[in-house]
Structure formats: structure tokens, C-alpha cells
Amino acid sequence: MTYAIENAGALLTPALAIYPEIVDRNIAATVRLLGGDVNRWRPHLKTAKLGFIMHRLAEIGVVNAKCSTTVELAAACDAE
């Protein structure tokens, strides 16, 4: 599948493109692997410290996580 970004030439770089449908699909796949029990999932916030991702995880009920820095902790606290 190819994803096009309109006006890509006007973006400041480096840039990060996040596709919500792919994020949601990956979260759903992980929850399926956990037998539907989100309490078994403790994502490491280094890989999910973007507020958008943290909010998605909080929406499905993920309340346990691992973090290494206060910045990661602050992102988790803001995601409620």
C-alpha cells in the first residue's frame, strides 16, 4: 500500500507521518495477541511517547507502562 502526503515538498524535515488507521490496527493486533487482556500489556513509552499514540493506548484501557525518563512519564500522565 502506498501513502501519499499532499504538499510533501512544503514540510519541514525531519518530519514524522503517522497514519491513525495503521496505529489502531497495530494496537488491535497486539491486544489480540494478549488474548484481549490489555492489563497484560506494558508498552515501553520510549516507543510510544507521542501524545497521539499514548492517547490511543489510554482509550483502549492500557494503564500500565514502562518508562525511563521523566519526559516519558510526563507524556503518559498527559495522555489520560
C-alpha atoms as a PDB file:
ATOM      1  CA  MET A   1       0.000   0.000   0.000  1.00  0.00           C
ATOM      2  CA  THR A   2       1.277   3.464  -0.836  1.00  0.00           C
ATOM      3  CA  TYR A   3       0.551   6.542   1.200  1.00  0.00           C
ATOM      4  CA  ALA A   4       0.807   9.962  -0.384  1.00  0.00           C
ATOM      5  CA  ILE A   5       1.362  13.151   1.566  1.00  0.00           C
ATOM      6  CA  GLU A   6      -0.058  16.268  -0.004  1.00  0.00           C
ATOM      7  CA  ASN A   7       2.427  19.137  -0.293  1.00  0.00           C
ATOM      8  CA  ALA A   8       5.277  16.931   0.927  1.00  0.00           C
ATOM      9  CA  GLY A   9       7.750  19.438  -0.504  1.00  0.00           C
ATOM     10  CA  ALA A  10       6.460  22.088   1.889  1.00  0.00           C
ATOM     11  CA  LEU A  11       7.088  20.004   5.017  1.00  0.00           C
ATOM     12  CA  LEU A  12       9.899  20.872   7.341  1.00  0.00           C
ATOM     13  CA  THR A  13      12.270  17.968   7.779  1.00  0.00           C
ATOM     14  CA  PRO A  14      12.767  15.764   9.518  1.00  0.00           C
ATOM     15  CA  ALA A  15       9.066  15.003   9.657  1.00  0.00           C
ATOM     16  CA  LEU A  16       7.084  12.095  11.038  1.00  0.00           C
ATOM     17  CA  ALA A  17       3.990  10.761   9.303  1.00  0.00           C
ATOM     18  CA  ILE A  18       1.512   8.904  11.489  1.00  0.00           C
ATOM     19  CA  TYR A  19      -1.366   7.008   9.921  1.00  0.00           C
ATOM     20  CA  PRO A  20      -4.085   6.590  12.569  1.00  0.00           C
ATOM     21  CA  GLU A  21      -5.644   3.556  10.872  1.00  0.00           C
ATOM     22  CA  ILE A  22      -2.307   1.723  10.947  1.00  0.00           C
ATOM     23  CA  VAL A  23      -1.701   2.665  14.576  1.00  0.00           C
ATOM     24  CA  ASP A  24      -5.161   1.393  15.516  1.00  0.00           C
ATOM     25  CA  ARG A  25      -4.642  -1.812  13.526  1.00  0.00           C
ATOM     26  CA  ASN A  26      -1.301  -2.463  15.265  1.00  0.00           C
ATOM     27  CA  ILE A  27      -2.804  -1.802  18.694  1.00  0.00           C
ATOM     28  CA  ALA A  28      -5.690  -4.161  17.933  1.00  0.00           C
ATOM     29  CA  ALA A  29      -3.266  -6.866  16.754  1.00  0.00           C
ATOM     30  CA  THR A  30      -1.277  -6.585  19.985  1.00  0.00           C
ATOM     31  CA  VAL A  31      -4.430  -6.798  22.101  1.00  0.00           C
ATOM     32  CA  ARG A  32      -5.471  -9.923  20.158  1.00  0.00           C
ATOM     33  CA  LEU A  33      -2.069 -11.497  20.877  1.00  0.00           C
ATOM     34  CA  LEU A  34      -2.668 -10.764  24.561  1.00  0.00           C
ATOM     35  CA  GLY A  35      -5.952 -12.642  24.476  1.00  0.00           C
ATOM     36  CA  GLY A  36      -7.890  -9.387  24.710  1.00  0.00           C
ATOM     37  CA  ASP A  37      -6.433  -8.561  28.144  1.00  0.00           C
ATOM     38  CA  VAL A  38      -4.892  -5.072  27.929  1.00  0.00           C
ATOM     39  CA  ASN A  39      -3.715  -5.436  31.529  1.00  0.00           C
ATOM     40  CA  ARG A  40      -1.037  -7.823  30.242  1.00  0.00           C
ATOM     41  CA  TRP A  41       0.438  -5.080  28.053  1.00  0.00           C
ATOM     42  CA  ARG A  42       3.119  -2.796  29.416  1.00  0.00           C
ATOM     43  CA  PRO A  43       4.370  -0.818  26.431  1.00  0.00           C
ATOM     44  CA  HIS A  44       7.697   0.918  26.785  1.00  0.00           C
ATOM     45  CA  LEU A  45       6.993   4.612  26.439  1.00  0.00           C
ATOM     46  CA  LYS A  46      10.180   5.293  24.541  1.00  0.00           C
ATOM     47  CA  THR A  47       8.420   3.764  21.560  1.00  0.00           C
ATOM     48  CA  ALA A  48       5.065   5.390  22.285  1.00  0.00           C
ATOM     49  CA  LYS A  49       5.834   8.763  23.822  1.00  0.00           C
ATOM     50  CA  LEU A  50       3.937  10.763  21.242  1.00  0.00           C
ATOM     51  CA  GLY A  51       0.780  12.118  22.798  1.00  0.00           C
ATOM     52  CA  PHE A  52      -1.301  10.798  19.899  1.00  0.00           C
ATOM     53  CA  ILE A  53      -0.113   7.233  20.483  1.00  0.00           C
ATOM     54  CA  MET A  54      -0.367   7.497  24.259  1.00  0.00           C
ATOM     55  CA  HIS A  55      -3.952   8.726  23.962  1.00  0.00           C
ATOM     56  CA  ARG A  56      -4.839   5.807  21.678  1.00  0.00           C
ATOM     57  CA  LEU A  57      -3.395   3.339  24.211  1.00  0.00           C
ATOM     58  CA  ALA A  58      -5.247   5.008  27.102  1.00  0.00           C
ATOM     59  CA  GLU A  59      -8.518   4.896  25.125  1.00  0.00           C
ATOM     60  CA  ILE A  60      -8.410   1.100  24.949  1.00  0.00           C
ATOM     61  CA  GLY A  61      -7.597   0.779  28.644  1.00  0.00           C
ATOM     62  CA  VAL A  62      -3.819   0.424  28.800  1.00  0.00           C
ATOM     63  CA  VAL A  63      -2.891   1.746  32.256  1.00  0.00           C
ATOM     64  CA  ASN A  64       0.457   0.014  32.852  1.00  0.00           C
ATOM     65  CA  ALA A  65       3.633   1.074  31.079  1.00  0.00           C
ATOM     66  CA  LYS A  66       7.390   1.256  31.430  1.00  0.00           C
ATOM     67  CA  CYS A  67       9.315   4.491  31.185  1.00  0.00           C
ATOM     68  CA  SER A  68      12.934   5.514  31.607  1.00  0.00           C
ATOM     69  CA  THR A  69      12.782   9.291  31.754  1.00  0.00           C
ATOM     70  CA  THR A  70      10.643  11.972  33.326  1.00  0.00           C
ATOM     71  CA  VAL A  71       9.710  13.180  29.814  1.00  0.00           C
ATOM     72  CA  GLU A  72       8.220   9.758  29.059  1.00  0.00           C
ATOM     73  CA  LEU A  73       6.387   9.797  32.389  1.00  0.00           C
ATOM     74  CA  ALA A  74       5.002  13.276  31.682  1.00  0.00           C
ATOM     75  CA  ALA A  75       3.734  12.131  28.265  1.00  0.00           C
ATOM     76  CA  ALA A  76       1.932   9.220  29.932  1.00  0.00           C
ATOM     77  CA  CYS A  77       0.371  11.452  32.569  1.00  0.00           C
ATOM     78  CA  ASP A  78      -0.879  13.866  29.918  1.00  0.00           C
ATOM     79  CA  ALA A  79      -2.453  11.095  27.826  1.00  0.00           C
ATOM     80  CA  GLU A  80      -5.438  10.368  30.052  1.00  0.00           C
END
